[in-house]
Amino acid sequence: MSQSKENYHLLLVDDDPNLLLLVKDYLEYQGYQVTTAGNGREALDLLTTTVPDMIVCDIMMPEMDGYAFIEQVRQNPDISWIPVMFLSAKGQSHNRVKGLNVGADIYMAKPFEPEELAAQVQSCLRQADRLLQHNNHPLEDNARVQVARDVELTPTETKVIQLVAQGLANREIADHLKVSQRTVESHVSNMLNKTGLHNRTELARWAIQKSIA
């Protein structure tokens, strides 16, 4: 059973104090508990004492930007499972691809509608719940990720998706396979295109249900 909103704790990371307050107030109005941080380094410090159910993070920040912050999160096995949403003024396609390849599960561009933000947060949390339930129970048909076509993976793509399903970040996968991080990002992007899936979480779940992982 999914948690109620009151039991979900979100970490909101942004260097714009006005936006931080606006989003925090709206999400708290929606029933979530919200902790805030002004940059990636401050957020990492918070993560040593508290573990949120989801991170909503800006990209362009001082001291440590969103990319570097999420890479740190994905490299730490204690917190690598946390769903991440990037919330950024960088809205072009290549920015979205980079954000997803770094390890974000959802990418939203600023400006945004608060209602859509809340809906994306709720959707991401539901998806995380389903993945957790899958790890504890056999998948039922209605919990499966649907891929409309047969997908053939290269041997390297198979290795990459197995490591994605284990929760490894792209940098860790690159080190493990002794290839560049850019090569790993390219493989992840290719597999998302092949499968028609939307993010790494769906890719990992598909790998698990197909017994690729």
Protein backbone atom coordinates (compact mmCIF):
# COMPACT_ATOMS: atom_id res chain seq x y z
CA MET A 1 0.00 0.00 0.00
CA SER A 2 1.30 3.46 -0.83
CA GLN A 3 2.06 5.97 1.89
CA SER A 4 -0.14 8.98 2.44
CA LYS A 5 1.34 12.31 1.37
CA GLU A 6 1.89 13.30 5.01
CA ASN A 7 4.39 10.44 5.34
CA TYR A 8 6.46 11.50 2.31
CA HIS A 9 9.51 13.64 2.97
CA LEU A 10 10.89 15.70 0.07
CA LEU A 11 14.29 17.41 -0.18
CA LEU A 12 14.06 20.60 -2.25
CA VAL A 13 17.39 22.02 -3.51
CA ASP A 14 17.58 25.46 -5.19
CA ASP A 15 19.71 28.59 -4.81
CA ASP A 16 16.78 30.94 -5.50
CA PRO A 17 15.28 31.68 -2.05
CA ASN A 18 12.03 33.02 -3.50
CA LEU A 19 11.45 29.93 -5.65
CA LEU A 20 12.52 27.70 -2.79
CA LEU A 21 9.90 29.24 -0.51
CA LEU A 22 7.21 29.20 -3.20
CA VAL A 23 7.70 25.52 -4.07
CA LYS A 24 8.10 24.52 -0.42
CA ASP A 25 4.85 26.24 0.54
CA TYR A 26 2.96 24.68 -2.35
CA LEU A 27 4.22 21.15 -1.70
CA GLU A 28 3.52 21.49 2.01
CA TYR A 29 0.02 22.70 1.11
CA GLN A 30 -0.29 19.48 -0.91
CA GLY A 31 0.53 17.53 2.25
CA TYR A 32 4.24 16.72 1.92
CA GLN A 33 6.98 17.26 4.47
CA VAL A 34 9.66 19.45 2.84
CA THR A 35 13.28 20.15 3.78
CA THR A 36 15.24 22.74 1.79
CA ALA A 37 18.88 23.32 0.82
CA GLY A 38 20.49 26.18 -1.11
CA ASN A 39 22.99 24.11 -3.14
CA GLY A 40 24.26 20.60 -3.71
CA ARG A 41 26.89 20.68 -0.97
CA GLU A 42 24.38 21.80 1.63
CA ALA A 43 22.01 19.07 0.43
CA LEU A 44 24.73 16.40 0.77
CA ASP A 45 25.31 17.52 4.36
CA LEU A 46 21.59 17.13 5.06
CA LEU A 47 21.61 13.64 3.54
CA THR A 48 24.06 12.46 6.19
CA THR A 49 21.38 12.87 8.85
CA THR A 50 18.08 12.50 6.97
CA VAL A 51 16.95 10.39 4.03
CA PRO A 52 14.04 11.84 2.02
CA ASP A 53 11.66 9.88 -0.18
CA MET A 54 12.43 12.13 -3.15
CA ILE A 55 14.80 14.94 -4.20
CA VAL A 56 13.64 17.93 -6.27
CA CYS A 57 16.75 19.74 -7.47
CA ASP A 58 17.83 22.76 -9.52
CA ILE A 59 20.85 22.39 -11.83
CA MET A 60 22.58 25.79 -11.90
CA MET A 61 23.71 26.41 -8.30
CA PRO A 62 26.88 27.74 -6.61
CA GLU A 63 29.44 25.54 -4.80
CA MET A 64 28.00 22.31 -6.21
CA ASP A 65 25.58 22.21 -9.15
CA GLY A 66 22.76 19.74 -9.61
CA TYR A 67 24.70 17.43 -11.92
CA ALA A 68 27.57 16.98 -9.46
CA PHE A 69 25.14 16.61 -6.55
CA ILE A 70 23.09 13.87 -8.19
CA GLU A 71 26.23 12.02 -9.27
CA GLN A 72 27.28 12.01 -5.59
CA VAL A 73 23.85 10.71 -4.60
CA ARG A 74 23.95 7.91 -7.17
CA GLN A 75 27.42 6.85 -6.02
CA ASN A 76 26.30 6.35 -2.42
CA PRO A 77 24.56 2.97 -2.00
CA ASP A 78 22.71 4.20 1.10
CA ILE A 79 20.86 6.91 -0.84
CA SER A 80 21.31 5.94 -4.52
CA TRP A 81 17.72 4.63 -4.67
CA ILE A 82 16.13 8.04 -3.96
CA PRO A 83 14.01 9.29 -6.91
CA VAL A 84 15.23 12.60 -8.33
CA MET A 85 13.48 15.35 -10.25
CA PHE A 86 15.52 18.05 -11.96
CA LEU A 87 13.77 21.42 -12.00
CA SER A 88 15.79 23.68 -14.28
CA ALA A 89 15.70 26.74 -16.53
CA LYS A 90 17.72 24.66 -18.98
CA GLY A 91 14.86 23.30 -21.03
CA GLN A 92 16.46 22.25 -24.33
CA SER A 93 16.49 18.63 -25.43
CA HIS A 94 20.21 18.07 -24.85
CA ASN A 95 19.85 19.45 -21.32
CA ARG A 96 17.03 17.02 -20.62
CA VAL A 97 19.04 14.10 -22.03
CA LYS A 98 22.07 15.02 -19.91
CA GLY A 99 19.93 15.38 -16.79
CA LEU A 100 18.34 11.96 -17.28
CA ASN A 101 21.69 10.36 -18.08
CA VAL A 102 23.27 11.82 -14.96
CA GLY A 103 20.63 10.00 -12.93
CA ALA A 104 17.46 12.06 -12.70
CA ASP A 105 14.14 10.23 -13.03
CA ILE A 106 12.14 13.27 -14.17
CA TYR A 107 13.20 16.54 -15.80
CA MET A 108 10.94 19.60 -15.64
CA ALA A 109 11.79 22.95 -17.20
CA LYS A 110 11.19 26.33 -15.53
CA PRO A 111 8.83 28.12 -15.62
CA PHE A 112 6.36 25.43 -14.59
CA GLU A 113 2.81 25.12 -13.36
CA PRO A 114 2.66 24.18 -9.66
CA GLU A 115 -0.12 21.68 -10.37
CA GLU A 116 2.08 19.85 -12.89
CA LEU A 117 4.99 19.83 -10.46
CA ALA A 118 2.82 18.27 -7.75
CA ALA A 119 1.47 15.71 -10.23
CA GLN A 120 4.99 14.76 -11.36
CA VAL A 121 6.13 14.40 -7.75
CA GLN A 122 3.17 12.17 -6.95
CA SER A 123 3.74 10.10 -10.10
CA CYS A 124 7.42 9.62 -9.32
CA LEU A 125 6.70 8.56 -5.74
CA ARG A 126 4.07 6.07 -6.94
CA GLN A 127 6.58 4.65 -9.40
CA ALA A 128 9.18 4.30 -6.63
CA ASP A 129 6.58 2.51 -4.48
CA ARG A 130 5.83 0.09 -7.29
CA LEU A 131 9.52 -0.67 -7.77
CA LEU A 132 9.91 -1.28 -4.05
CA GLN A 133 6.90 -3.58 -4.06
CA HIS A 134 8.36 -5.43 -7.03
CA ASN A 135 11.59 -6.03 -5.15
CA ASN A 136 9.58 -7.65 -2.33
CA HIS A 137 6.91 -9.46 -4.36
CA PRO A 138 6.67 -11.12 -7.79
CA LEU A 139 5.48 -8.77 -10.50
CA GLU A 140 1.84 -8.90 -11.41
CA ASP A 141 0.85 -8.26 -15.02
CA ASN A 142 -0.63 -4.83 -14.31
CA ALA A 143 2.62 -3.71 -12.61
CA ARG A 144 4.78 -4.48 -15.62
CA VAL A 145 6.49 -1.93 -17.79
CA GLN A 146 5.07 -2.28 -21.28
CA VAL A 147 7.48 -2.15 -24.23
CA ALA A 148 5.57 -2.23 -27.50
CA ARG A 149 8.22 -3.94 -29.60
CA ASP A 150 10.94 -6.57 -29.41
CA VAL A 151 14.19 -5.01 -28.31
CA GLU A 152 17.60 -6.35 -29.19
CA LEU A 153 20.43 -5.19 -26.95
CA THR A 154 24.11 -5.36 -27.78
CA PRO A 155 26.34 -7.23 -25.29
CA THR A 156 27.60 -3.91 -23.92
CA GLU A 157 24.07 -2.51 -23.58
CA THR A 158 23.10 -5.66 -21.68
CA LYS A 159 25.96 -5.11 -19.23
CA VAL A 160 25.04 -1.44 -18.84
CA ILE A 161 21.35 -2.11 -18.17
CA GLN A 162 22.23 -4.78 -15.61
CA LEU A 163 24.28 -2.21 -13.70
CA VAL A 164 21.56 0.45 -14.07
CA ALA A 165 19.11 -2.03 -12.51
CA GLN A 166 21.53 -2.43 -9.59
CA GLY A 167 21.28 1.32 -8.96
CA LEU A 168 24.76 2.29 -10.16
CA ALA A 169 25.39 5.79 -11.47
CA ASN A 170 26.85 6.33 -14.95
CA ARG A 171 30.27 7.13 -13.52
CA GLU A 172 30.30 3.89 -11.52
CA ILE A 173 29.20 1.93 -14.59
CA ALA A 174 31.97 3.57 -16.62
CA ASP A 175 34.56 2.59 -14.01
CA HIS A 176 33.21 -0.95 -13.84
CA LEU A 177 33.25 -1.45 -17.62
CA LYS A 178 36.44 0.60 -18.13
CA VAL A 179 34.83 2.94 -20.64
CA SER A 180 34.16 6.68 -20.62
CA GLN A 181 31.14 8.12 -18.83
CA ARG A 182 30.03 9.64 -22.13
CA THR A 183 29.97 6.13 -23.64
CA VAL A 184 27.71 4.94 -20.84
CA GLU A 185 25.42 7.95 -21.29
CA SER A 186 25.19 7.15 -24.99
CA HIS A 187 24.24 3.52 -24.26
CA VAL A 188 21.55 4.58 -21.75
CA SER A 189 20.14 7.09 -24.24
CA ASN A 190 20.12 4.45 -27.00
CA MET A 191 18.30 1.97 -24.77
CA LEU A 192 15.67 4.56 -23.83
CA ASN A 193 15.14 5.18 -27.55
CA LYS A 194 14.97 1.46 -28.34
CA THR A 195 12.48 0.66 -25.60
CA GLY A 196 10.46 3.86 -25.73
CA LEU A 197 10.74 4.12 -21.95
CA HIS A 198 10.99 7.49 -20.24
CA ASN A 199 13.66 7.22 -17.54
CA ARG A 200 16.22 5.06 -15.76
CA THR A 201 13.67 3.81 -13.22
CA GLU A 202 11.46 2.35 -15.95
CA LEU A 203 14.54 0.98 -17.71
CA ALA A 204 15.68 -0.77 -14.53
CA ARG A 205 12.20 -2.20 -13.86
CA TRP A 206 11.93 -3.45 -17.44
CA ALA A 207 15.34 -5.13 -17.11
CA ILE A 208 14.28 -6.84 -13.89
CA GLN A 209 10.97 -8.14 -15.27
CA LYS A 210 12.70 -9.36 -18.46
CA SER A 211 15.31 -11.14 -16.29
CA ILE A 212 18.06 -9.09 -17.90
CA ALA A 213 19.21 -7.79 -14.52
